[in-house]
Amino acid sequence: MARSWRQFGERLAAAGFPTLRYDHPGQGDSLDPQPLTLEHWNTALIAAAHQLMRHSGAGRLVLIGHGIGATLALDNLPHLHGVAGLVAMAPVVQGRVWLRELAAWSAMIGGASEGELSVGGFTLPEDLAIGLRSLDIRDSRPLVPFNLMVAREARPDDAALAQAFAKTIPFEGYEGVTRDPTGNQAPFETYDAVIAELKAAFPQPEPAETGPRMLPPAVLSAAEFRETAVRFGANDQLYGILVEPLRPRSRLLTVFVPAGRDPHIGWSRIAVDHARRLAQAGYPSFRFDVSGNGESLLRAGQDGRELLYASDNSDDTATALGWLKRHGYDHTLLIGRCSGGYVALHTAAMRAEVKALIMVNVLRIIWDPTETVELALNADVRPLALQNRGFTDGNKLKKFLSGEIDRKAALCKAVRLIWRKMPAWPWSGAQRRLRQGRALFHALSERQANVTFVSAEEDGSLDRFAELFGPEGKQLSAYPGLSFERLIGSDHNLNQQAARDTLFAILMDRLVKTETAASSSA
């Protein structure tokens, strides 16, 4: 919910309330203390409160937390000074119950190792889980002058806890804000309701002593790397993080191109993990948000723009490459998953400084203008061979005939599959897009770029690979420098740690090969 939380912060600031957002240790861009415990999260909350008061010049503080953040805010009230208010949005009332729900969700999604609590690729360390399990705010009281609870419907724990608050408002749009990054929707109605309550309670927000302050670049230092948060592009609307090793081995820099609505940390924080592992091996990297997503702002006239497969994303990536070049990084490797791989491909084809490209589980090579983003999102990510099995499954056929399966949806899917399996006319749009896609790879080969097409073993990107390069890649020899890798035991989003480790090994291998090729031609 990085994008929606930023939008909430912007709304608060516009209403006169300076804000600070932060990542818990082990989350987002924060460092990963070992072993990670609940005490690290409590300490970070108190430090964040002190930083906001120090930099804003305000004398009073309002804590706003969502989910476990709301629980920590309420739990830490006795340890904070100057707190005038608390807004608890859908707080976790009992940590034990919450973890049990997460475990059930983890089992349903899959991808976790035995005995491990992992949801969507995010793994909860056991020491932290022990602390979270102990949280219980059923008998807590928000002992601050202003206290507001934003409660979910039909939640007995919420209703019981709400009795301790001076006022409760409904959490409109809760389901939308708790979806994964692709489906996440900001609950603006609820955000505006909270701001209205704050303005009524604090009619004259305390101004900063000197107005908005220009703070120095945020730098995060660890034993083996330094991360610098930067703003770049027109009016500094884009946001990224440059990761530089303290013992550099190479200037060949990896750019993590975000997929769709994923923030710069990547799905399951893969970009953060891989960036820091690269730094340990001596390689720099850069991760960033496209305009309108994460911490990056919309350009003028971009209101309501769709983030997935937008041509603007290639422009943003090219802007990032330009910034990097001006700062001494003129040789890059681009890596992206799904629509991030699509953007990386199109950017690499037009930027000579891109020496290598890794495309992971890419479902579109050239965008079909007749296809909507909604249709693309709802499409099956499995290859056609697997989708076809559903039509020969006796149990599914019985459910179809009995009406247990949506017949209209099933028939529409069948028609689409049949249409996709039919040979396209040479002058058809599909064949034209195929020629355009091959032309991109030819251009990269002629430039001697190292290109790697990576697919999970049961991913629809296998179909794109076969369309472009023939069954089993029989036509790959026509594209020097292009190779194929398969991720065994992986899903489309790389939720499995083993798959992410394999991808990192591929990334390291391509960096070394690209460096070797550059040295040979020098």
Protein backbone atom coordinates (compact mmCIF):
# COMPACT_ATOMS: atom_id res chain seq x y z
CA MET A 1 0.00 0.00 0.00
CA ALA A 2 2.99 2.30 -0.55
CA ARG A 3 1.20 4.37 -3.18
CA SER A 4 -2.01 4.88 -1.20
CA TRP A 5 -0.08 5.66 2.03
CA ARG A 6 1.88 8.33 0.16
CA GLN A 7 -1.34 9.78 -1.22
CA PHE A 8 -2.75 9.90 2.32
CA GLY A 9 0.39 11.71 3.48
CA GLU A 10 0.06 14.24 0.65
CA ARG A 11 -3.55 14.91 1.59
CA LEU A 12 -2.58 15.41 5.23
CA ALA A 13 0.21 17.82 4.26
CA ALA A 14 -2.14 19.78 1.99
CA ALA A 15 -4.48 20.15 4.99
CA GLY A 16 -1.64 21.65 7.03
CA PHE A 17 -0.35 18.55 8.85
CA PRO A 18 3.34 17.71 8.23
CA THR A 19 3.76 13.94 7.98
CA LEU A 20 6.44 11.29 8.13
CA ARG A 21 6.11 7.72 6.80
CA TYR A 22 8.64 5.01 7.58
CA ASP A 23 9.32 1.29 7.10
CA HIS A 24 9.60 -1.08 10.04
CA PRO A 25 13.06 -2.70 10.34
CA GLY A 26 13.12 -5.69 8.00
CA GLN A 27 10.40 -4.13 5.84
CA GLY A 28 10.49 -1.92 2.73
CA ASP A 29 13.83 -0.11 2.44
CA SER A 30 14.82 -0.42 6.12
CA LEU A 31 17.79 -2.50 7.20
CA ASP A 32 17.39 -6.07 8.45
CA PRO A 33 18.70 -6.49 11.99
CA GLN A 34 19.43 -10.07 12.98
CA PRO A 35 17.61 -11.50 14.76
CA LEU A 36 14.65 -9.22 14.02
CA THR A 37 12.39 -8.76 17.05
CA LEU A 38 9.33 -6.72 18.01
CA GLU A 39 11.57 -4.44 20.05
CA HIS A 40 13.19 -3.24 16.82
CA TRP A 41 9.75 -2.18 15.55
CA ASN A 42 8.88 -0.41 18.82
CA THR A 43 12.21 1.45 18.83
CA ALA A 44 11.72 2.50 15.20
CA LEU A 45 8.27 3.93 15.95
CA ILE A 46 9.62 6.06 18.80
CA ALA A 47 12.56 7.23 16.66
CA ALA A 48 10.21 8.16 13.79
CA ALA A 49 8.07 10.25 16.15
CA HIS A 50 11.15 12.12 17.37
CA GLN A 51 12.35 12.73 13.82
CA LEU A 52 9.00 14.21 12.73
CA MET A 53 8.88 16.63 15.65
CA ARG A 54 12.51 17.59 15.13
CA HIS A 55 12.21 18.31 11.40
CA SER A 56 8.70 19.80 11.37
CA GLY A 57 9.14 22.04 14.38
CA ALA A 58 5.73 20.95 15.68
CA GLY A 59 5.16 20.64 19.41
CA ARG A 60 2.33 18.12 19.23
CA LEU A 61 2.08 14.78 17.48
CA VAL A 62 -0.72 12.60 16.08
CA LEU A 63 0.03 8.93 15.44
CA ILE A 64 -1.81 7.32 12.51
CA GLY A 65 -1.41 3.58 12.08
CA HIS A 66 -2.95 0.90 9.90
CA GLY A 67 -3.24 -2.75 10.93
CA ILE A 68 -0.28 -3.84 13.05
CA GLY A 69 0.99 -0.23 12.88
CA ALA A 70 -2.12 0.96 14.69
CA THR A 71 -1.56 -1.70 17.33
CA LEU A 72 2.04 -0.62 17.89
CA ALA A 73 1.00 3.04 18.07
CA LEU A 74 -1.55 2.31 20.81
CA ASP A 75 0.85 0.02 22.65
CA ASN A 76 3.67 2.61 22.64
CA LEU A 77 1.66 5.65 23.77
CA PRO A 78 3.14 5.52 27.30
CA HIS A 79 6.68 5.75 25.85
CA LEU A 80 6.09 8.87 23.74
CA HIS A 81 5.97 12.54 24.66
CA GLY A 82 3.94 15.25 23.01
CA VAL A 83 1.31 12.92 21.56
CA ALA A 84 -1.97 14.80 21.18
CA GLY A 85 -3.85 12.27 19.11
CA LEU A 86 -4.17 8.72 17.80
CA VAL A 87 -5.92 7.38 14.70
CA ALA A 88 -6.13 3.59 14.77
CA MET A 89 -7.15 2.19 11.37
CA ALA A 90 -8.24 -1.46 11.44
CA PRO A 91 -5.87 -2.30 14.32
CA VAL A 92 -4.80 -5.88 15.01
CA VAL A 93 -6.53 -6.55 18.32
CA GLN A 94 -4.91 -9.89 19.14
CA GLY A 95 -1.56 -10.77 17.62
CA ARG A 96 -2.15 -14.47 18.18
CA VAL A 97 -5.38 -14.43 16.16
CA TRP A 98 -3.82 -12.29 13.43
CA LEU A 99 -0.89 -14.69 13.00
CA ARG A 100 -3.30 -17.61 12.82
CA GLU A 101 -5.14 -15.83 10.00
CA LEU A 102 -1.84 -15.18 8.23
CA ALA A 103 -0.90 -18.85 8.57
CA ALA A 104 -4.19 -19.88 6.97
CA TRP A 105 -3.64 -17.39 4.16
CA SER A 106 -0.08 -18.66 3.73
CA ALA A 107 -1.29 -22.25 3.38
CA MET A 108 -3.92 -21.18 0.83
CA ILE A 109 -1.47 -19.21 -1.35
CA GLY A 110 1.40 -21.68 -1.07
CA GLY A 111 5.09 -21.01 -1.68
CA ALA A 112 6.23 -21.27 1.94
CA SER A 113 8.65 -23.87 3.26
CA GLU A 114 7.44 -26.33 5.91
CA GLY A 115 7.01 -24.64 9.28
CA GLU A 116 7.51 -21.19 7.77
CA LEU A 117 5.02 -18.32 7.87
CA SER A 118 5.23 -16.67 4.46
CA VAL A 119 2.58 -14.73 2.55
CA GLY A 120 3.18 -13.59 -1.01
CA GLY A 121 6.92 -14.21 -0.62
CA PHE A 122 7.19 -12.21 2.63
CA THR A 123 8.53 -14.43 5.41
CA LEU A 124 7.96 -13.57 9.07
CA PRO A 125 11.05 -14.32 11.21
CA GLU A 126 10.30 -16.52 14.19
CA ASP A 127 11.73 -14.09 16.78
CA LEU A 128 9.48 -11.32 15.45
CA ALA A 129 6.50 -13.68 15.33
CA ILE A 130 6.98 -14.47 19.03
CA GLY A 131 6.70 -10.78 19.89
CA LEU A 132 3.74 -10.18 17.60
CA ARG A 133 1.94 -13.18 19.08
CA SER A 134 2.11 -11.55 22.50
CA LEU A 135 0.32 -8.36 21.39
CA ASP A 136 -3.16 -7.94 22.87
CA ILE A 137 -4.84 -4.53 23.03
CA ARG A 138 -8.35 -5.65 24.06
CA ASP A 139 -8.00 -3.84 27.38
CA SER A 140 -5.89 -0.93 26.12
CA ARG A 141 -7.11 2.66 26.36
CA PRO A 142 -6.05 5.51 24.05
CA LEU A 143 -5.12 7.99 26.78
CA VAL A 144 -4.62 11.00 24.51
CA PRO A 145 -6.91 14.04 24.02
CA PHE A 146 -7.90 13.11 20.46
CA ASN A 147 -8.53 9.46 19.64
CA LEU A 148 -10.29 8.01 16.62
CA MET A 149 -10.80 4.44 15.49
CA VAL A 150 -11.45 3.53 11.86
CA ALA A 151 -13.23 0.20 12.15
CA ARG A 152 -14.02 -2.58 9.70
CA GLU A 153 -17.54 -3.91 9.35
CA ALA A 154 -18.61 -7.21 10.88
CA ARG A 155 -15.50 -7.54 13.05
CA PRO A 156 -16.44 -8.30 16.68
CA ASP A 157 -12.92 -7.44 17.93
CA ASP A 158 -13.10 -4.05 16.21
CA ALA A 159 -16.51 -3.32 17.67
CA ALA A 160 -15.38 -4.23 21.18
CA LEU A 161 -12.21 -2.15 21.01
CA ALA A 162 -14.11 0.80 19.53
CA GLN A 163 -15.90 1.22 22.85
CA ALA A 164 -12.65 2.58 24.30
CA PHE A 165 -12.35 5.33 21.67
CA ALA A 166 -14.01 8.72 21.76
CA LYS A 167 -15.19 8.32 18.18
CA THR A 168 -15.36 5.60 15.54
CA ILE A 169 -15.89 5.93 11.80
CA PRO A 170 -16.28 3.12 9.24
CA PHE A 171 -13.32 1.99 7.14
CA GLU A 172 -14.78 2.46 3.67
CA GLY A 173 -12.64 0.77 1.03
CA TYR A 174 -10.77 -1.51 3.44
CA GLU A 175 -10.82 -4.50 1.07
CA GLY A 176 -9.31 -2.44 -1.73
CA VAL A 177 -6.38 -1.12 0.28
CA THR A 178 -5.40 -4.57 1.57
CA ARG A 179 -5.06 -6.17 -1.85
CA ASP A 180 -1.70 -6.95 -3.43
CA PRO A 181 0.08 -4.09 -5.25
CA THR A 182 -1.58 -4.91 -8.58
CA GLY A 183 -5.13 -4.61 -7.24
CA ASN A 184 -4.52 -2.08 -4.45
CA GLN A 185 -6.92 0.88 -4.37
CA ALA A 186 -6.57 3.89 -2.09
CA PRO A 187 -9.59 4.44 0.24
CA PHE A 188 -9.79 8.19 -0.42
CA GLU A 189 -13.23 8.50 1.17
CA THR A 190 -11.85 7.18 4.46
CA TYR A 191 -8.67 9.25 4.22
CA ASP A 192 -10.70 12.42 3.72
CA ALA A 193 -12.98 11.51 6.64
CA VAL A 194 -9.95 11.12 8.92
CA ILE A 195 -8.57 14.48 7.76
CA ALA A 196 -11.93 16.13 8.45
CA GLU A 197 -11.83 14.79 12.02
CA LEU A 198 -8.26 16.05 12.47
CA LYS A 199 -9.12 19.52 11.16
CA ALA A 200 -12.06 19.71 13.57
CA ALA A 201 -9.88 18.68 16.50
CA PHE A 202 -6.88 20.81 15.49
CA PRO A 203 -8.39 23.80 13.64
CA GLN A 204 -5.06 25.63 13.43
CA PRO A 205 -2.32 23.08 12.74
CA GLU A 206 1.03 24.20 14.07
CA PRO A 207 3.12 25.47 11.14
CA ALA A 208 6.70 24.42 10.67
CA GLU A 209 9.11 26.99 12.06
CA THR A 210 10.42 27.96 8.62
CA GLY A 211 7.91 26.31 6.30
CA PRO A 212 8.75 23.15 4.32
CA ARG A 213 12.35 22.17 4.92
CA MET A 214 14.85 20.91 2.36
CA LEU A 215 16.37 17.93 4.09
CA PRO A 216 19.70 16.41 3.04
CA PRO A 217 19.57 13.20 0.96
CA ALA A 218 18.54 10.22 3.03
CA VAL A 219 21.47 7.81 3.31
CA LEU A 220 21.34 4.32 4.79
CA SER A 221 24.72 2.79 5.63
CA ALA A 222 25.50 -0.84 6.33
CA ALA A 223 28.70 -2.84 6.63
CA GLU A 224 28.94 -3.55 2.90
CA PHE A 225 26.85 -0.91 1.11
CA ARG A 226 25.45 2.59 1.14
CA GLU A 227 21.92 3.40 -0.08
CA THR A 228 21.02 6.94 -1.12
CA ALA A 229 17.41 7.98 -1.73
CA VAL A 230 17.19 10.40 -4.66
CA ARG A 231 14.63 12.43 -6.58
CA PHE A 232 15.15 12.94 -10.29
CA GLY A 233 13.36 13.78 -13.53
CA ALA A 234 11.30 16.85 -14.34
CA ASN A 235 10.44 18.71 -11.12
CA ASP A 236 12.01 15.81 -9.21
CA GLN A 237 8.79 13.83 -9.51
CA LEU A 238 10.54 10.44 -9.72
CA TYR A 239 12.00 8.58 -6.73
CA GLY A 240 14.73 5.98 -6.60
CA ILE A 241 17.41 4.41 -4.43
CA LEU A 242 21.02 4.09 -5.53
CA VAL A 243 22.85 1.20 -3.86
CA GLU A 244 26.64 1.42 -3.93
CA PRO A 245 29.02 -1.22 -2.59
CA LEU A 246 31.68 -0.07 -0.14
CA ARG A 247 34.12 -2.49 -1.83
CA PRO A 248 33.23 -2.00 -5.51
CA ARG A 249 34.17 -4.60 -8.07
CA SER A 250 32.53 -3.06 -11.12
CA ARG A 251 30.71 0.01 -12.47
CA LEU A 252 28.23 -2.20 -14.35
CA LEU A 253 24.99 -1.23 -12.62
CA THR A 254 21.74 -3.23 -12.39
CA VAL A 255 18.45 -1.36 -12.75
CA PHE A 256 15.41 -3.09 -11.26
CA VAL A 257 12.45 -2.11 -13.45
CA PRO A 258 9.23 -2.41 -11.40
CA ALA A 259 6.35 -4.55 -12.62
CA GLY A 260 3.02 -2.78 -13.01
CA ARG A 261 1.94 -1.29 -9.71
CA ASP A 262 4.71 -2.88 -7.65
CA PRO A 263 6.67 -0.26 -5.66
CA HIS A 264 10.43 0.01 -6.03
CA ILE A 265 11.08 -2.66 -3.38
CA GLY A 266 9.67 -5.26 -5.79
CA TRP A 267 7.20 -8.06 -5.24
CA SER A 268 8.05 -9.80 -1.95
CA ARG A 269 10.86 -7.22 -1.53
CA ILE A 270 12.95 -9.01 -4.16
CA ALA A 271 14.59 -5.82 -5.47
CA VAL A 272 15.83 -4.88 -1.99
CA ASP A 273 17.19 -8.35 -1.29
CA HIS A 274 18.90 -8.72 -4.67
CA ALA A 275 20.30 -5.16 -4.58
CA ARG A 276 21.98 -5.76 -1.23
CA ARG A 277 23.32 -9.14 -2.28
CA LEU A 278 24.73 -7.51 -5.42
CA ALA A 279 26.42 -4.88 -3.25
CA GLN A 280 27.99 -7.60 -1.13
CA ALA A 281 29.46 -8.97 -4.39
CA GLY A 282 30.71 -5.51 -5.37
CA TYR A 283 28.02 -4.45 -7.87
CA PRO A 284 25.93 -1.24 -7.72
CA SER A 285 22.21 -1.09 -8.46
CA PHE A 286 19.25 1.25 -8.74
CA ARG A 287 15.58 0.67 -7.94
CA PHE A 288 12.86 3.24 -8.59
CA ASP A 289 9.14 3.98 -8.82
CA VAL A 290 7.49 4.92 -12.12
CA SER A 291 5.49 8.14 -12.09
CA GLY A 292 2.34 7.94 -9.99
CA ASN A 293 3.43 4.82 -8.14
CA GLY A 294 5.13 4.30 -4.79
CA GLU A 295 6.99 7.48 -3.86
CA SER A 296 7.02 8.95 -7.39
CA LEU A 297 4.59 11.71 -8.28
CA LEU A 298 2.33 12.03 -11.29
CA ARG A 299 3.36 14.34 -14.07
CA ALA A 300 1.03 17.18 -14.98
CA GLY A 301 -1.91 15.83 -16.95
CA GLN A 302 -1.40 12.22 -15.82
CA ASP A 303 -4.36 12.03 -13.45
CA GLY A 304 -6.01 8.62 -13.65
CA ARG A 305 -3.28 7.11 -15.82
CA GLU A 306 -2.98 3.34 -15.95
CA LEU A 307 0.36 2.08 -14.61
CA LEU A 308 0.46 -1.32 -16.30
CA TYR A 309 2.04 -1.46 -19.77
CA ALA A 310 2.00 2.35 -20.01
CA SER A 311 4.44 3.80 -22.56
CA ASP A 312 5.30 6.44 -19.96
CA ASN A 313 7.01 3.71 -17.91
CA SER A 314 9.69 3.35 -20.60
CA ASP A 315 10.13 7.13 -20.52
CA ASP A 316 10.60 6.98 -16.74
CA THR A 317 13.14 4.17 -17.09
CA ALA A 318 15.02 6.14 -19.74
CA THR A 319 15.00 9.16 -17.40
CA ALA A 320 16.52 6.96 -14.67
CA LEU A 321 19.24 5.81 -17.10
CA GLY A 322 19.98 9.44 -17.97
CA TRP A 323 20.34 10.36 -14.29
CA LEU A 324 22.61 7.37 -13.71
CA LYS A 325 24.77 8.26 -16.70
CA ARG A 326 25.26 11.78 -15.37
CA HIS A 327 26.42 10.24 -12.10
CA GLY A 328 29.03 8.02 -13.71
CA TYR A 329 27.06 4.84 -14.41
CA ASP A 330 27.05 4.55 -18.20
CA HIS A 331 26.81 0.75 -18.51
CA THR A 332 23.69 -0.95 -17.18
CA LEU A 333 21.82 -4.23 -16.97
CA LEU A 334 18.02 -4.01 -16.87
CA ILE A 335 15.97 -6.67 -15.11
CA GLY A 336 12.17 -6.79 -14.84
CA ARG A 337 9.40 -9.27 -14.16
CA CYS A 338 6.10 -9.43 -16.10
CA SER A 339 5.19 -5.90 -17.27
CA GLY A 340 8.50 -4.71 -15.79
CA GLY A 341 10.27 -7.02 -18.24
CA TYR A 342 8.13 -5.60 -21.05
CA VAL A 343 9.23 -2.07 -20.11
CA ALA A 344 12.86 -3.18 -19.74
CA LEU A 345 12.83 -4.71 -23.24
CA HIS A 346 11.46 -1.61 -24.91
CA THR A 347 13.83 0.66 -22.99
CA ALA A 348 16.86 -1.53 -23.74
CA ALA A 349 16.07 -1.46 -27.46
CA MET A 350 16.37 2.34 -27.56
CA ARG A 351 19.22 2.95 -25.08
CA ALA A 352 22.77 2.04 -26.12
CA GLU A 353 24.06 2.12 -22.53
CA VAL A 354 22.02 -1.01 -21.75
CA LYS A 355 24.51 -3.84 -22.15
CA ALA A 356 22.37 -6.66 -20.78
CA LEU A 357 18.70 -7.46 -20.24
CA ILE A 358 16.91 -10.08 -18.13
CA MET A 359 13.18 -10.53 -18.79
CA VAL A 360 11.31 -12.67 -16.26
CA ASN A 361 7.85 -14.19 -16.89
CA VAL A 362 6.98 -11.64 -19.57
CA LEU A 363 3.44 -12.16 -20.90
CA ARG A 364 3.40 -9.35 -23.49
CA ILE A 365 6.12 -8.39 -25.97
CA ILE A 366 4.21 -5.88 -28.08
CA TRP A 367 1.03 -4.43 -26.61
CA ASP A 368 -2.17 -5.27 -28.50
CA PRO A 369 -4.10 -1.98 -28.77
CA THR A 370 -7.38 -3.92 -28.84
CA GLU A 371 -6.64 -5.47 -25.42
CA THR A 372 -7.59 -3.69 -22.21
CA VAL A 373 -5.43 -3.75 -19.08
CA GLU A 374 -8.36 -5.28 -17.20
CA LEU A 375 -8.46 -8.17 -19.68
CA ALA A 376 -4.69 -8.63 -19.35
CA LEU A 377 -4.96 -8.71 -15.55
CA ASN A 378 -7.73 -11.30 -15.63
CA ALA A 379 -5.97 -13.49 -18.18
CA ASP A 380 -4.62 -16.89 -17.13
CA VAL A 381 -0.86 -16.66 -16.54
CA ARG A 382 -0.39 -20.36 -17.33
CA PRO A 383 0.76 -21.59 -20.76
CA LEU A 384 -1.89 -22.77 -23.23
CA ALA A 385 -0.92 -26.42 -22.78
CA LEU A 386 -1.93 -26.29 -19.12
CA GLN A 387 -5.08 -24.25 -19.76
CA ASN A 388 -6.22 -26.80 -22.34
CA ARG A 389 -6.21 -29.57 -19.72
CA GLY A 390 -9.21 -27.97 -18.08
CA PHE A 391 -11.36 -28.84 -21.08
CA THR A 392 -10.47 -32.54 -20.84
CA ASP A 393 -10.95 -32.72 -17.06
CA GLY A 394 -14.01 -34.89 -16.39
CA ASN A 395 -14.77 -33.27 -13.02
CA LYS A 396 -14.70 -29.78 -14.52
CA LEU A 397 -16.91 -30.90 -17.38
CA LYS A 398 -19.49 -32.20 -14.88
CA LYS A 399 -19.39 -28.92 -12.97
CA PHE A 400 -19.85 -27.03 -16.24
CA LEU A 401 -22.88 -29.10 -17.21
CA SER A 402 -24.40 -28.83 -13.73
CA GLY A 403 -23.93 -25.06 -13.62
CA GLU A 404 -21.38 -25.09 -10.76
CA ILE A 405 -18.97 -23.29 -13.09
CA ASP A 406 -19.87 -19.95 -14.69
CA ARG A 407 -20.79 -21.21 -18.18
CA LYS A 408 -20.54 -17.84 -19.89
CA ALA A 409 -17.06 -17.19 -18.50
CA ALA A 410 -15.93 -20.74 -19.36
CA LEU A 411 -17.21 -20.46 -22.94
CA CYS A 412 -15.53 -17.07 -23.40
CA LYS A 413 -12.27 -18.55 -22.17
CA ALA A 414 -12.65 -21.52 -24.54
CA VAL A 415 -13.22 -19.20 -27.50
CA ARG A 416 -10.14 -17.16 -26.59
CA LEU A 417 -8.01 -20.31 -26.31
CA ILE A 418 -9.23 -21.63 -29.66
CA TRP A 419 -8.58 -18.26 -31.27
CA ARG A 420 -5.06 -18.13 -29.86
CA LYS A 421 -4.27 -21.63 -31.14
CA MET A 422 -5.41 -20.82 -34.70
CA PRO A 423 -2.63 -19.83 -37.11
CA ALA A 424 -2.65 -16.10 -37.72
CA TRP A 425 -2.80 -14.64 -41.23
CA PRO A 426 0.53 -13.13 -42.35
CA TRP A 427 -1.02 -9.66 -42.47
CA SER A 428 -2.90 -10.00 -39.18
CA GLY A 429 -2.27 -7.79 -36.15
CA ALA A 430 -0.86 -10.77 -34.25
CA GLN A 431 1.72 -11.48 -36.95
CA ARG A 432 2.62 -7.81 -37.22
CA ARG A 433 3.22 -7.66 -33.45
CA LEU A 434 5.30 -10.84 -33.68
CA ARG A 435 7.50 -9.26 -36.37
CA GLN A 436 7.85 -6.13 -34.24
CA GLY A 437 8.87 -8.21 -31.23
CA ARG A 438 11.48 -10.14 -33.22
CA ALA A 439 12.82 -6.85 -34.55
CA LEU A 440 13.48 -5.70 -30.97
CA PHE A 441 15.52 -8.82 -30.24
CA HIS A 442 17.37 -8.55 -33.57
CA ALA A 443 18.32 -4.96 -32.71
CA LEU A 444 19.67 -6.03 -29.33
CA SER A 445 21.62 -8.89 -30.91
CA GLU A 446 23.18 -6.58 -33.49
CA ARG A 447 24.27 -4.35 -30.62
CA GLN A 448 25.82 -7.42 -28.94
CA ALA A 449 23.66 -7.03 -25.84
CA ASN A 450 23.39 -10.01 -23.50
CA VAL A 451 19.66 -10.88 -23.37
CA THR A 452 18.11 -13.57 -21.15
CA PHE A 453 14.50 -14.75 -21.37
CA VAL A 454 13.50 -16.36 -18.04
CA SER A 455 10.29 -18.35 -17.50
CA ALA A 456 8.79 -20.25 -14.59
CA GLU A 457 8.08 -23.85 -15.54
CA GLU A 458 4.31 -23.34 -15.79
CA ASP A 459 4.11 -19.72 -16.90
CA GLY A 460 2.41 -18.18 -19.91
CA SER A 461 5.71 -16.53 -20.88
CA LEU A 462 6.66 -19.95 -22.29
CA ASP A 463 4.08 -19.34 -25.03
CA ARG A 464 5.64 -15.96 -25.85
CA PHE A 465 9.07 -17.59 -26.06
CA ALA A 466 7.80 -20.34 -28.40
CA GLU A 467 6.01 -17.81 -30.62
CA LEU A 468 9.16 -15.70 -30.96
CA PHE A 469 11.85 -18.35 -31.21
CA GLY A 470 10.06 -21.58 -32.14
CA PRO A 471 9.32 -24.69 -30.07
CA GLU A 472 12.13 -25.34 -27.57
CA GLY A 473 13.86 -22.21 -28.91
CA LYS A 474 14.90 -23.78 -32.22
CA GLN A 475 15.37 -20.35 -33.79
CA LEU A 476 17.51 -18.93 -31.00
CA SER A 477 20.66 -19.25 -33.08
CA ALA A 478 19.39 -16.36 -35.22
CA TYR A 479 19.74 -14.07 -32.19
CA PRO A 480 23.36 -14.08 -30.94
CA GLY A 481 23.62 -13.17 -27.28
CA LEU A 482 20.08 -14.33 -26.43
CA SER A 483 19.58 -17.25 -24.03
CA PHE A 484 16.75 -18.94 -22.15
CA GLU A 485 16.49 -20.00 -18.52
CA ARG A 486 13.72 -21.90 -16.75
CA LEU A 487 12.81 -21.43 -13.08
CA ILE A 488 11.82 -24.79 -11.66
CA GLY A 489 9.28 -24.78 -8.83
CA SER A 490 8.35 -21.14 -9.29
CA ASP A 491 5.06 -19.33 -9.79
CA HIS A 492 4.54 -16.18 -11.86
CA ASN A 493 5.41 -13.80 -8.99
CA LEU A 494 8.43 -15.76 -7.72
CA ASN A 495 6.91 -16.25 -4.27
CA GLN A 496 9.28 -19.15 -3.60
CA GLN A 497 12.63 -18.25 -2.04
CA ALA A 498 14.39 -20.98 -4.04
CA ALA A 499 13.16 -19.37 -7.28
CA ARG A 500 14.37 -15.94 -6.17
CA ASP A 501 17.76 -17.44 -5.30
CA THR A 502 17.97 -19.07 -8.75
CA LEU A 503 17.13 -15.78 -10.41
CA PHE A 504 19.86 -14.04 -8.41
CA ALA A 505 22.36 -16.66 -9.60
CA ILE A 506 21.28 -15.95 -13.19
CA LEU A 507 21.68 -12.22 -12.59
CA MET A 508 25.21 -12.66 -11.19
CA ASP A 509 26.16 -14.90 -14.11
CA ARG A 510 24.97 -12.33 -16.68
CA LEU A 511 26.83 -9.51 -14.93
CA VAL A 512 30.07 -11.49 -15.08
CA LYS A 513 29.51 -12.49 -18.72
CA THR A 514 28.70 -8.92 -19.71
CA GLU A 515 31.83 -7.65 -17.99
CA THR A 516 33.94 -10.35 -19.67
CA ALA A 517 32.54 -9.51 -23.10
CA ALA A 518 33.20 -5.81 -22.56
CA SER A 519 36.82 -6.53 -21.53
CA SER A 520 37.38 -8.74 -24.59
CA SER A 521 36.14 -6.07 -26.99
CA ALA A 522 38.07 -3.24 -25.29
